[in-house]
Amino acid sequence: MPRGDRNPDAVVEARVIEILPYVSFLSRSDLLQLVTKEKNWNISPKTLDNYIARAREILRENHETFKNNAAQNILNNLTELYKQAFLQQDFKLCAQLQKQISDIFGISQSKIDITSGGEQLTGFTIKLTKE
C-alpha cells in the first residue's frame, strides 16, 4: 500500500499497541533498538518517546479501569455476604461487613455505647462517640 493511503493516526496507534507489552520492562534504548532493528520502523528517538508516552497513558487508563472494576466486585461480594448474614440473623457478621463497606467509601462509623446509666435497667442511654 502506498504510504500516502495509510491513516497516520491508525499507524501510530497500532505501533503504540505493539510496543505496549515492552514499555514496562525495557529501557528506552532497548525499545529504540527493538523498533529500528527488529521491527524496521524508521522513526526518530523523539517519535519513540511519543509512542512510549501514549503507551504509558494506556497502561494508566487500564490500571484505573481494573482498579475500579476490582473495587466494584469487592463491594458486590461484601453486599451479598451482608445479605446472607442478615438472613441468617448473624448480626455480628453484619456489623463487621458494614464496617468494611464503610471503609471502602471512606465513611467513618460512630460507635454506639448502650448502657443503663448506672441505674436500674429501666431504659437505655445511647451515646454516640467518634473514634
Protein backbone atom coordinates (compact mmCIF):
# COMPACT_ATOMS: atom_id res chain seq x y z
CA MET A 1 0.00 0.00 0.00
CA PRO A 2 1.45 3.42 -0.89
CA ARG A 3 2.46 5.45 2.12
CA GLY A 4 0.01 8.29 1.40
CA ASP A 5 -3.01 5.94 1.56
CA ARG A 6 -2.50 4.93 5.18
CA ASN A 7 -4.13 6.70 8.08
CA PRO A 8 -1.20 8.07 10.10
CA ASP A 9 -3.20 8.04 13.35
CA ALA A 10 -4.06 4.38 12.84
CA VAL A 11 -0.40 3.54 12.17
CA VAL A 12 0.70 5.38 15.31
CA GLU A 13 -1.98 3.67 17.43
CA ALA A 14 -1.07 0.24 16.03
CA ARG A 15 2.59 0.83 16.81
CA VAL A 16 1.78 2.03 20.32
CA ILE A 17 -0.25 -1.13 20.91
CA GLU A 18 2.62 -3.19 19.51
CA ILE A 19 5.17 -1.77 21.99
CA LEU A 20 2.73 -1.76 24.90
CA PRO A 21 3.90 -5.11 26.36
CA TYR A 22 7.53 -3.94 26.32
CA VAL A 23 7.14 -0.48 27.86
CA SER A 24 7.03 -1.73 31.43
CA PHE A 25 10.30 -3.63 31.37
CA LEU A 26 12.51 -2.41 28.50
CA SER A 27 14.62 0.70 28.69
CA ARG A 28 14.20 3.46 26.13
CA SER A 29 17.41 2.44 24.35
CA ASP A 30 16.31 -1.21 24.25
CA LEU A 31 12.94 -0.14 22.84
CA LEU A 32 14.65 2.00 20.22
CA GLN A 33 16.79 -0.95 19.20
CA LEU A 34 13.73 -3.21 19.06
CA VAL A 35 11.69 -0.92 16.82
CA THR A 36 14.53 0.09 14.50
CA LYS A 37 16.29 -3.24 14.06
CA GLU A 38 13.65 -5.91 14.64
CA LYS A 39 10.52 -4.10 13.54
CA ASN A 40 12.22 -1.94 10.90
CA TRP A 41 10.40 1.21 11.91
CA ASN A 42 12.17 4.22 10.54
CA ILE A 43 11.41 6.58 13.43
CA SER A 44 13.35 9.11 15.43
CA PRO A 45 14.02 8.79 19.17
CA LYS A 46 11.56 11.69 19.70
CA THR A 47 8.83 9.77 17.87
CA LEU A 48 9.56 6.75 20.03
CA ASP A 49 9.25 8.96 23.12
CA ASN A 50 5.77 9.96 21.92
CA TYR A 51 4.86 6.30 21.42
CA ILE A 52 6.13 5.44 24.89
CA ALA A 53 4.18 8.31 26.45
CA ARG A 54 0.98 7.14 24.76
CA ALA A 55 1.62 3.52 25.79
CA ARG A 56 2.10 4.58 29.42
CA GLU A 57 -1.13 6.57 29.24
CA ILE A 58 -2.97 3.46 28.03
CA LEU A 59 -1.43 1.42 30.85
CA ARG A 60 -2.59 4.00 33.42
CA GLU A 61 -6.11 4.03 31.97
CA ASN A 62 -6.25 0.24 32.00
CA HIS A 63 -4.98 0.15 35.58
CA GLU A 64 -7.67 2.62 36.70
CA THR A 65 -10.36 0.58 34.94
CA PHE A 66 -9.08 -2.63 36.55
CA LYS A 67 -8.91 -0.98 39.96
CA ASN A 68 -12.46 0.40 39.65
CA ASN A 69 -13.79 -2.96 38.50
CA ALA A 70 -11.99 -4.72 41.36
CA ALA A 71 -13.44 -2.27 43.89
CA GLN A 72 -16.94 -2.79 42.46
CA ASN A 73 -16.51 -6.57 42.63
CA ILE A 74 -15.37 -6.36 46.25
CA LEU A 75 -18.35 -4.19 47.12
CA ASN A 76 -20.74 -6.58 45.36
CA ASN A 77 -19.26 -9.56 47.22
CA LEU A 78 -19.47 -7.80 50.60
CA THR A 79 -23.05 -6.75 49.90
CA GLU A 80 -24.02 -10.30 49.01
CA LEU A 81 -22.32 -11.63 52.16
CA TYR A 82 -24.15 -8.99 54.20
CA LYS A 83 -27.50 -10.13 52.77
CA GLN A 84 -26.73 -13.76 53.60
CA ALA A 85 -25.57 -12.89 57.13
CA PHE A 86 -28.71 -10.80 57.69
CA LEU A 87 -30.97 -13.61 56.51
CA GLN A 88 -29.19 -15.95 58.93
CA GLN A 89 -29.52 -13.29 61.66
CA ASP A 90 -25.75 -13.19 62.15
CA PHE A 91 -25.76 -9.55 63.19
CA LYS A 92 -22.19 -9.61 64.45
CA LEU A 93 -21.04 -10.54 60.95
CA CYS A 94 -23.39 -7.90 59.52
CA ALA A 95 -21.68 -5.26 61.66
CA GLN A 96 -18.23 -6.41 60.52
CA LEU A 97 -19.27 -6.37 56.88
CA GLN A 98 -20.90 -2.96 57.29
CA LYS A 99 -17.61 -1.66 58.68
CA GLN A 100 -15.71 -3.00 55.66
CA ILE A 101 -18.24 -1.45 53.27
CA SER A 102 -17.98 1.87 55.12
CA ASP A 103 -14.19 1.71 54.90
CA ILE A 104 -14.38 1.28 51.11
CA PHE A 105 -16.32 4.55 50.89
CA GLY A 106 -14.18 6.28 53.50
CA ILE A 107 -17.16 6.70 55.80
CA SER A 108 -16.33 6.87 59.48
CA GLN A 109 -18.81 4.98 61.59
CA SER A 110 -19.68 6.14 65.08
CA LYS A 111 -19.58 3.57 67.85
CA ILE A 112 -22.80 3.05 69.76
CA ASP A 113 -22.38 2.61 73.51
CA ILE A 114 -25.57 1.26 75.11
CA THR A 115 -25.57 1.50 78.90
CA SER A 116 -28.14 1.55 81.67
CA GLY A 117 -26.82 4.85 83.00
CA GLY A 118 -25.62 3.01 86.12
CA GLU A 119 -29.18 2.67 87.46
CA GLN A 120 -31.86 0.05 87.16
CA LEU A 121 -32.42 -1.28 83.70
CA THR A 122 -35.44 0.87 83.01
CA GLY A 123 -34.16 2.20 79.70
CA PHE A 124 -31.07 2.71 77.67
CA THR A 125 -28.88 5.70 77.08
CA ILE A 126 -27.35 5.86 73.64
CA LYS A 127 -24.15 7.81 73.50
CA LEU A 128 -22.57 8.39 70.09
CA THR A 129 -18.82 8.89 70.14
CA LYS A 130 -16.31 9.48 67.38
CA GLU A 131 -13.20 7.28 67.07
